[in-house]
Amino acid sequence: MQSRGLRIVVAEDDEDIRVLVERIFAHVGVEVTSVADGASALLALAEEAPDCLVVDLRMPDVDGMDVLDETGRSGSTVPVVLLTASVESEVEVEALAAGAVAVVRKPFQTKVLLTVVARAIRGAQPDRELPPRLVELAGA
C-alpha cells in the first residue's frame, strides 16, 4: 500500500505571501491546501488530515491563535507553525506557550520555513517519510 503524500494547510490572508508559501512547498513535493483565513484552515484540518498547519498569526476574524486554540481543544496532534510580521518577543512566547511548535518571522528565508516545518512534522510523526527534495533543502 502506497502512503499518501505529505500534506500541509497554509492559512495566510496576504495573497502574495500565501501564494509564495504554497509554491515553496509544492516545489519540494508537498501537497498544499492554501486558504485565506483561519476558519477555512480549521475546515481543512477536519476534512484533509494534513501533516502540518502553517498559519498567519494575525488575520481578521479567526486568527492564528484561534486556530491554535481550536486545534488543541479538538485533541488534534497536527503541529501548528505560526507566521508573524511582529517583532515583539512576547507574541512569540505567547504562541509557543499556547502550543505552537514554532513561530517564523516574516519576511522569512525559504530554508528556515522548510526546516521548521520538516522538524515539526518529524517531531509529531517520527516515522513519516518526507519528500526527498524537502529533506535535501531543509537538511531534515
N, C-alpha and C. Protein backbone atom coordinates (compact mmCIF):
# COMPACT_ATOMS: atom_id res chain seq x y z
N MET A 1 0.84 -1.18 0.00
CA MET A 1 0.00 0.00 0.00
C MET A 1 0.89 1.25 0.00
N GLN A 2 0.62 2.15 -0.90
CA GLN A 2 1.41 3.37 -1.00
C GLN A 2 0.83 4.41 -0.06
N SER A 3 1.72 5.06 0.71
CA SER A 3 1.25 6.09 1.63
C SER A 3 0.94 7.37 0.85
N ARG A 4 0.06 8.16 1.39
CA ARG A 4 -0.29 9.42 0.74
C ARG A 4 0.85 10.40 0.88
N GLY A 5 0.87 11.38 0.02
CA GLY A 5 1.92 12.38 0.07
C GLY A 5 1.81 13.26 1.30
N LEU A 6 2.91 13.90 1.60
CA LEU A 6 2.94 14.84 2.72
C LEU A 6 2.03 16.01 2.38
N ARG A 7 1.22 16.42 3.35
CA ARG A 7 0.20 17.45 3.09
C ARG A 7 0.23 18.51 4.18
N ILE A 8 0.23 19.77 3.76
CA ILE A 8 0.11 20.87 4.72
C ILE A 8 -1.04 21.79 4.31
N VAL A 9 -1.52 22.52 5.30
CA VAL A 9 -2.50 23.58 5.06
C VAL A 9 -1.82 24.90 5.40
N VAL A 10 -1.91 25.85 4.49
CA VAL A 10 -1.37 27.18 4.69
C VAL A 10 -2.53 28.15 4.79
N ALA A 11 -2.59 28.90 5.88
CA ALA A 11 -3.62 29.93 6.07
C ALA A 11 -2.94 31.28 6.21
N GLU A 12 -3.15 32.13 5.24
CA GLU A 12 -2.50 33.44 5.20
C GLU A 12 -3.42 34.39 4.47
N ASP A 13 -3.74 35.52 5.09
CA ASP A 13 -4.66 36.47 4.46
C ASP A 13 -3.99 37.34 3.41
N ASP A 14 -2.68 37.43 3.42
CA ASP A 14 -1.96 38.18 2.39
C ASP A 14 -1.75 37.23 1.20
N GLU A 15 -2.42 37.52 0.10
CA GLU A 15 -2.38 36.61 -1.04
C GLU A 15 -0.98 36.38 -1.57
N ASP A 16 -0.15 37.42 -1.63
CA ASP A 16 1.21 37.25 -2.15
C ASP A 16 2.01 36.28 -1.29
N ILE A 17 1.91 36.41 0.01
CA ILE A 17 2.64 35.51 0.91
C ILE A 17 2.06 34.10 0.83
N ARG A 18 0.74 34.01 0.77
CA ARG A 18 0.08 32.70 0.69
C ARG A 18 0.55 31.95 -0.57
N VAL A 19 0.56 32.63 -1.70
CA VAL A 19 0.99 32.01 -2.95
C VAL A 19 2.48 31.63 -2.87
N LEU A 20 3.29 32.49 -2.29
CA LEU A 20 4.71 32.20 -2.14
C LEU A 20 4.92 30.93 -1.31
N VAL A 21 4.27 30.84 -0.17
CA VAL A 21 4.42 29.66 0.70
C VAL A 21 3.92 28.41 -0.02
N GLU A 22 2.80 28.54 -0.71
CA GLU A 22 2.27 27.41 -1.47
C GLU A 22 3.29 26.93 -2.51
N ARG A 23 3.89 27.84 -3.23
CA ARG A 23 4.88 27.48 -4.25
C ARG A 23 6.14 26.86 -3.65
N ILE A 24 6.57 27.40 -2.54
CA ILE A 24 7.77 26.86 -1.87
C ILE A 24 7.56 25.38 -1.54
N PHE A 25 6.41 25.07 -0.95
CA PHE A 25 6.18 23.69 -0.54
C PHE A 25 5.84 22.78 -1.72
N ALA A 26 5.11 23.29 -2.69
CA ALA A 26 4.82 22.49 -3.88
C ALA A 26 6.12 22.13 -4.60
N HIS A 27 7.08 23.05 -4.61
CA HIS A 27 8.37 22.83 -5.27
C HIS A 27 9.16 21.67 -4.65
N VAL A 28 8.94 21.41 -3.38
CA VAL A 28 9.68 20.32 -2.72
C VAL A 28 8.84 19.06 -2.57
N GLY A 29 7.69 19.01 -3.28
CA GLY A 29 6.91 17.78 -3.30
C GLY A 29 5.87 17.64 -2.21
N VAL A 30 5.47 18.74 -1.60
CA VAL A 30 4.46 18.71 -0.55
C VAL A 30 3.12 19.13 -1.16
N GLU A 31 2.07 18.39 -0.84
CA GLU A 31 0.72 18.77 -1.26
C GLU A 31 0.27 19.92 -0.37
N VAL A 32 -0.24 20.98 -0.98
CA VAL A 32 -0.60 22.18 -0.23
C VAL A 32 -2.05 22.56 -0.48
N THR A 33 -2.75 22.81 0.60
CA THR A 33 -4.05 23.46 0.53
C THR A 33 -3.85 24.84 1.11
N SER A 34 -4.13 25.87 0.31
CA SER A 34 -3.94 27.22 0.83
C SER A 34 -5.29 27.91 0.94
N VAL A 35 -5.45 28.58 2.07
CA VAL A 35 -6.70 29.27 2.37
C VAL A 35 -6.38 30.67 2.89
N ALA A 36 -7.39 31.54 2.84
CA ALA A 36 -7.16 32.94 3.17
C ALA A 36 -7.54 33.32 4.59
N ASP A 37 -8.03 32.36 5.37
CA ASP A 37 -8.46 32.71 6.73
C ASP A 37 -8.41 31.50 7.66
N GLY A 38 -8.50 31.80 8.95
CA GLY A 38 -8.41 30.76 9.95
C GLY A 38 -9.58 29.81 9.96
N ALA A 39 -10.78 30.30 9.69
CA ALA A 39 -11.96 29.42 9.66
C ALA A 39 -11.80 28.35 8.59
N SER A 40 -11.29 28.75 7.43
CA SER A 40 -11.06 27.79 6.35
C SER A 40 -9.94 26.80 6.72
N ALA A 41 -8.96 27.26 7.48
CA ALA A 41 -7.90 26.37 7.93
C ALA A 41 -8.46 25.28 8.84
N LEU A 42 -9.37 25.66 9.72
CA LEU A 42 -9.98 24.67 10.61
C LEU A 42 -10.82 23.66 9.84
N LEU A 43 -11.53 24.13 8.81
CA LEU A 43 -12.28 23.20 7.96
C LEU A 43 -11.34 22.24 7.24
N ALA A 44 -10.25 22.76 6.71
CA ALA A 44 -9.28 21.91 6.02
C ALA A 44 -8.64 20.92 6.98
N LEU A 45 -8.41 21.34 8.21
CA LEU A 45 -7.86 20.43 9.22
C LEU A 45 -8.79 19.24 9.42
N ALA A 46 -10.08 19.52 9.52
CA ALA A 46 -11.06 18.46 9.75
C ALA A 46 -11.24 17.57 8.52
N GLU A 47 -11.18 18.15 7.34
CA GLU A 47 -11.50 17.41 6.12
C GLU A 47 -10.30 16.70 5.49
N GLU A 48 -9.11 17.24 5.65
CA GLU A 48 -7.97 16.75 4.89
C GLU A 48 -6.90 16.03 5.69
N ALA A 49 -6.96 16.07 7.00
CA ALA A 49 -5.95 15.42 7.83
C ALA A 49 -4.53 15.79 7.39
N PRO A 50 -4.19 17.08 7.42
CA PRO A 50 -2.84 17.47 7.00
C PRO A 50 -1.78 17.03 8.01
N ASP A 51 -0.54 17.06 7.57
CA ASP A 51 0.59 16.73 8.44
C ASP A 51 1.06 17.93 9.23
N CYS A 52 0.70 19.14 8.79
CA CYS A 52 1.12 20.36 9.47
C CYS A 52 0.22 21.51 9.03
N LEU A 53 0.02 22.46 9.93
CA LEU A 53 -0.65 23.72 9.61
C LEU A 53 0.39 24.83 9.66
N VAL A 54 0.40 25.69 8.67
CA VAL A 54 1.24 26.88 8.65
C VAL A 54 0.26 28.05 8.58
N VAL A 55 0.18 28.81 9.68
CA VAL A 55 -0.90 29.78 9.84
C VAL A 55 -0.36 31.14 10.22
N ASP A 56 -0.87 32.16 9.53
CA ASP A 56 -0.53 33.54 9.88
C ASP A 56 -1.10 33.85 11.26
N LEU A 57 -0.31 34.48 12.07
CA LEU A 57 -0.75 34.82 13.43
C LEU A 57 -1.87 35.86 13.43
N ARG A 58 -1.74 36.87 12.61
CA ARG A 58 -2.71 37.97 12.59
C ARG A 58 -3.54 37.95 11.32
N MET A 59 -4.79 37.53 11.45
CA MET A 59 -5.75 37.54 10.35
C MET A 59 -7.07 38.06 10.91
N PRO A 60 -7.91 38.63 10.06
CA PRO A 60 -9.22 39.08 10.54
C PRO A 60 -10.07 37.89 11.01
N ASP A 61 -10.97 38.16 11.90
CA ASP A 61 -11.89 37.15 12.43
C ASP A 61 -11.15 36.03 13.15
N VAL A 62 -10.97 34.90 12.52
CA VAL A 62 -10.30 33.76 13.14
C VAL A 62 -8.81 33.86 12.80
N ASP A 63 -8.00 34.20 13.82
CA ASP A 63 -6.57 34.38 13.57
C ASP A 63 -5.78 33.12 13.94
N GLY A 64 -4.48 33.22 13.85
CA GLY A 64 -3.62 32.07 14.14
C GLY A 64 -3.75 31.55 15.55
N MET A 65 -3.89 32.43 16.51
CA MET A 65 -4.06 31.98 17.91
C MET A 65 -5.39 31.24 18.07
N ASP A 66 -6.43 31.70 17.39
CA ASP A 66 -7.72 31.00 17.43
C ASP A 66 -7.59 29.60 16.83
N VAL A 67 -6.88 29.50 15.72
CA VAL A 67 -6.66 28.20 15.08
C VAL A 67 -5.87 27.30 16.03
N LEU A 68 -4.86 27.84 16.64
CA LEU A 68 -4.04 27.08 17.58
C LEU A 68 -4.89 26.59 18.76
N ASP A 69 -5.70 27.48 19.33
CA ASP A 69 -6.58 27.11 20.45
C ASP A 69 -7.57 26.01 20.06
N GLU A 70 -8.20 26.18 18.91
CA GLU A 70 -9.19 25.20 18.46
C GLU A 70 -8.55 23.86 18.14
N THR A 71 -7.37 23.90 17.58
CA THR A 71 -6.64 22.66 17.28
C THR A 71 -6.37 21.90 18.58
N GLY A 72 -5.94 22.63 19.59
CA GLY A 72 -5.69 22.00 20.89
C GLY A 72 -6.95 21.46 21.53
N ARG A 73 -8.02 22.24 21.49
CA ARG A 73 -9.30 21.81 22.07
C ARG A 73 -9.85 20.56 21.39
N SER A 74 -9.61 20.45 20.10
CA SER A 74 -10.15 19.31 19.35
C SER A 74 -9.36 18.02 19.61
N GLY A 75 -8.22 18.16 20.27
CA GLY A 75 -7.39 16.99 20.56
C GLY A 75 -6.47 16.62 19.41
N SER A 76 -6.41 17.47 18.41
CA SER A 76 -5.55 17.21 17.26
C SER A 76 -4.07 17.26 17.66
N THR A 77 -3.30 16.40 17.06
CA THR A 77 -1.85 16.40 17.29
C THR A 77 -1.09 16.98 16.10
N VAL A 78 -1.81 17.57 15.16
CA VAL A 78 -1.18 18.17 13.99
C VAL A 78 -0.38 19.39 14.45
N PRO A 79 0.91 19.44 14.12
CA PRO A 79 1.71 20.58 14.55
C PRO A 79 1.28 21.87 13.84
N VAL A 80 1.35 22.97 14.58
CA VAL A 80 0.99 24.27 14.05
C VAL A 80 2.23 25.17 14.09
N VAL A 81 2.59 25.70 12.92
CA VAL A 81 3.67 26.67 12.79
C VAL A 81 3.01 28.00 12.47
N LEU A 82 3.32 29.01 13.26
CA LEU A 82 2.74 30.32 13.04
C LEU A 82 3.71 31.24 12.31
N LEU A 83 3.17 32.05 11.42
CA LEU A 83 3.92 33.09 10.72
C LEU A 83 3.54 34.43 11.32
N THR A 84 4.51 35.30 11.51
CA THR A 84 4.18 36.62 12.05
C THR A 84 5.13 37.69 11.51
N ALA A 85 4.58 38.87 11.36
CA ALA A 85 5.39 40.03 11.00
C ALA A 85 5.78 40.81 12.25
N SER A 86 5.26 40.39 13.38
CA SER A 86 5.52 41.08 14.64
C SER A 86 6.98 40.90 15.06
N VAL A 87 7.53 41.96 15.63
CA VAL A 87 8.89 41.86 16.17
C VAL A 87 8.86 41.76 17.69
N GLU A 88 7.68 41.72 18.24
CA GLU A 88 7.51 41.62 19.69
C GLU A 88 7.79 40.20 20.16
N SER A 89 8.75 40.03 21.03
CA SER A 89 9.08 38.68 21.51
C SER A 89 7.95 38.10 22.36
N GLU A 90 7.14 38.97 22.97
CA GLU A 90 6.01 38.48 23.77
C GLU A 90 5.02 37.70 22.92
N VAL A 91 4.86 38.12 21.67
CA VAL A 91 3.95 37.43 20.76
C VAL A 91 4.44 36.00 20.53
N GLU A 92 5.72 35.87 20.30
CA GLU A 92 6.30 34.56 20.08
C GLU A 92 6.17 33.68 21.33
N VAL A 93 6.45 34.23 22.48
CA VAL A 93 6.36 33.49 23.74
C VAL A 93 4.92 33.03 23.97
N GLU A 94 3.96 33.92 23.73
CA GLU A 94 2.54 33.58 23.91
C GLU A 94 2.14 32.44 22.97
N ALA A 95 2.57 32.51 21.73
CA ALA A 95 2.22 31.48 20.75
C ALA A 95 2.83 30.13 21.12
N LEU A 96 4.08 30.13 21.53
CA LEU A 96 4.74 28.88 21.93
C LEU A 96 4.10 28.30 23.18
N ALA A 97 3.76 29.17 24.12
CA ALA A 97 3.09 28.70 25.34
C ALA A 97 1.72 28.10 25.04
N ALA A 98 1.07 28.60 23.99
CA ALA A 98 -0.26 28.11 23.62
C ALA A 98 -0.19 26.82 22.80
N GLY A 99 1.01 26.39 22.43
CA GLY A 99 1.14 25.11 21.75
C GLY A 99 1.71 25.14 20.34
N ALA A 100 2.05 26.30 19.82
CA ALA A 100 2.69 26.34 18.51
C ALA A 100 4.03 25.64 18.60
N VAL A 101 4.39 24.90 17.56
CA VAL A 101 5.70 24.24 17.59
C VAL A 101 6.81 25.21 17.22
N ALA A 102 6.44 26.26 16.51
CA ALA A 102 7.43 27.27 16.12
C ALA A 102 6.71 28.52 15.64
N VAL A 103 7.44 29.63 15.69
CA VAL A 103 6.97 30.89 15.13
C VAL A 103 8.04 31.36 14.16
N VAL A 104 7.64 31.60 12.93
CA VAL A 104 8.55 32.06 11.89
C VAL A 104 8.21 33.50 11.57
N ARG A 105 9.23 34.33 11.66
CA ARG A 105 9.01 35.77 11.41
C ARG A 105 9.10 36.08 9.92
N LYS A 106 8.16 36.93 9.48
CA LYS A 106 8.18 37.42 8.10
C LYS A 106 8.97 38.72 8.08
N PRO A 107 9.74 38.97 7.06
CA PRO A 107 9.99 38.08 5.93
C PRO A 107 10.90 36.93 6.36
N PHE A 108 10.68 35.77 5.80
CA PHE A 108 11.43 34.58 6.19
C PHE A 108 12.30 34.11 5.03
N GLN A 109 13.30 33.35 5.39
CA GLN A 109 14.13 32.68 4.38
C GLN A 109 13.47 31.35 4.07
N THR A 110 13.49 30.97 2.81
CA THR A 110 12.86 29.72 2.39
C THR A 110 13.38 28.53 3.19
N LYS A 111 14.69 28.44 3.34
CA LYS A 111 15.28 27.31 4.06
C LYS A 111 14.80 27.25 5.51
N VAL A 112 14.64 28.41 6.13
CA VAL A 112 14.15 28.44 7.52
C VAL A 112 12.74 27.86 7.59
N LEU A 113 11.87 28.32 6.71
CA LEU A 113 10.49 27.82 6.72
C LEU A 113 10.45 26.32 6.45
N LEU A 114 11.18 25.86 5.46
CA LEU A 114 11.20 24.43 5.15
C LEU A 114 11.74 23.61 6.32
N THR A 115 12.80 24.10 6.94
CA THR A 115 13.40 23.38 8.07
C THR A 115 12.46 23.31 9.26
N VAL A 116 11.82 24.41 9.57
CA VAL A 116 10.90 24.44 10.71
C VAL A 116 9.73 23.48 10.48
N VAL A 117 9.16 23.50 9.30
CA VAL A 117 8.02 22.62 9.02
C VAL A 117 8.46 21.16 8.99
N ALA A 118 9.59 20.87 8.38
CA ALA A 118 10.08 19.48 8.35
C ALA A 118 10.32 18.96 9.77
N ARG A 119 10.92 19.78 10.61
CA ARG A 119 11.16 19.36 12.01
C ARG A 119 9.85 19.22 12.79
N ALA A 120 8.90 20.09 12.51
CA ALA A 120 7.60 19.98 13.19
C ALA A 120 6.92 18.66 12.83
N ILE A 121 6.97 18.30 11.57
CA ILE A 121 6.36 17.04 11.14
C ILE A 121 7.11 15.86 11.70
N ARG A 122 8.43 15.91 11.67
CA ARG A 122 9.23 14.82 12.24
C ARG A 122 8.99 14.67 13.74
N GLY A 123 8.78 15.79 14.43
CA GLY A 123 8.50 15.73 15.86
C GLY A 123 7.17 15.07 16.16
N ALA A 124 6.19 15.32 15.31
CA ALA A 124 4.85 14.75 15.52
C ALA A 124 4.74 13.33 14.97
N GLN A 125 5.48 13.05 13.89
CA GLN A 125 5.41 11.74 13.23
C GLN A 125 6.82 11.29 12.86
N PRO A 126 7.57 10.78 13.82
CA PRO A 126 8.97 10.45 13.57
C PRO A 126 9.21 9.49 12.40
N ASP A 127 8.26 8.64 12.11
CA ASP A 127 8.43 7.66 11.03
C ASP A 127 7.88 8.14 9.69
N ARG A 128 7.36 9.36 9.65
CA ARG A 128 6.75 9.89 8.43
C ARG A 128 7.82 10.13 7.38
N GLU A 129 7.61 9.61 6.19
CA GLU A 129 8.56 9.82 5.10
C GLU A 129 8.35 11.22 4.53
N LEU A 130 9.44 11.96 4.45
CA LEU A 130 9.40 13.30 3.88
C LEU A 130 9.87 13.24 2.43
N PRO A 131 9.33 14.11 1.56
CA PRO A 131 9.80 14.13 0.18
C PRO A 131 11.32 14.40 0.12
N PRO A 132 12.01 13.68 -0.76
CA PRO A 132 13.48 13.83 -0.84
C PRO A 132 13.94 15.28 -1.03
N ARG A 133 13.24 16.04 -1.84
CA ARG A 133 13.64 17.43 -2.08
C ARG A 133 13.51 18.26 -0.81
N LEU A 134 12.49 18.00 0.00
CA LEU A 134 12.33 18.70 1.27
C LEU A 134 13.48 18.34 2.20
N VAL A 135 13.82 17.07 2.27
CA VAL A 135 14.93 16.62 3.12
C VAL A 135 16.22 17.30 2.67
N GLU A 136 16.43 17.35 1.37
CA GLU A 136 17.64 17.95 0.84
C GLU A 136 17.75 19.43 1.19
N LEU A 137 16.69 20.18 0.96
CA LEU A 137 16.73 21.63 1.18
C LEU A 137 16.63 22.03 2.64
N ALA A 138 15.93 21.21 3.42
CA ALA A 138 15.74 21.55 4.84
C ALA A 138 16.83 20.93 5.71
N GLY A 139 17.58 20.00 5.15
CA GLY A 139 18.58 19.33 5.95
C GLY A 139 17.94 18.46 7.01
N ALA A 140 16.73 18.00 6.72
CA ALA A 140 15.97 17.22 7.72
C ALA A 140 16.30 15.73 7.64
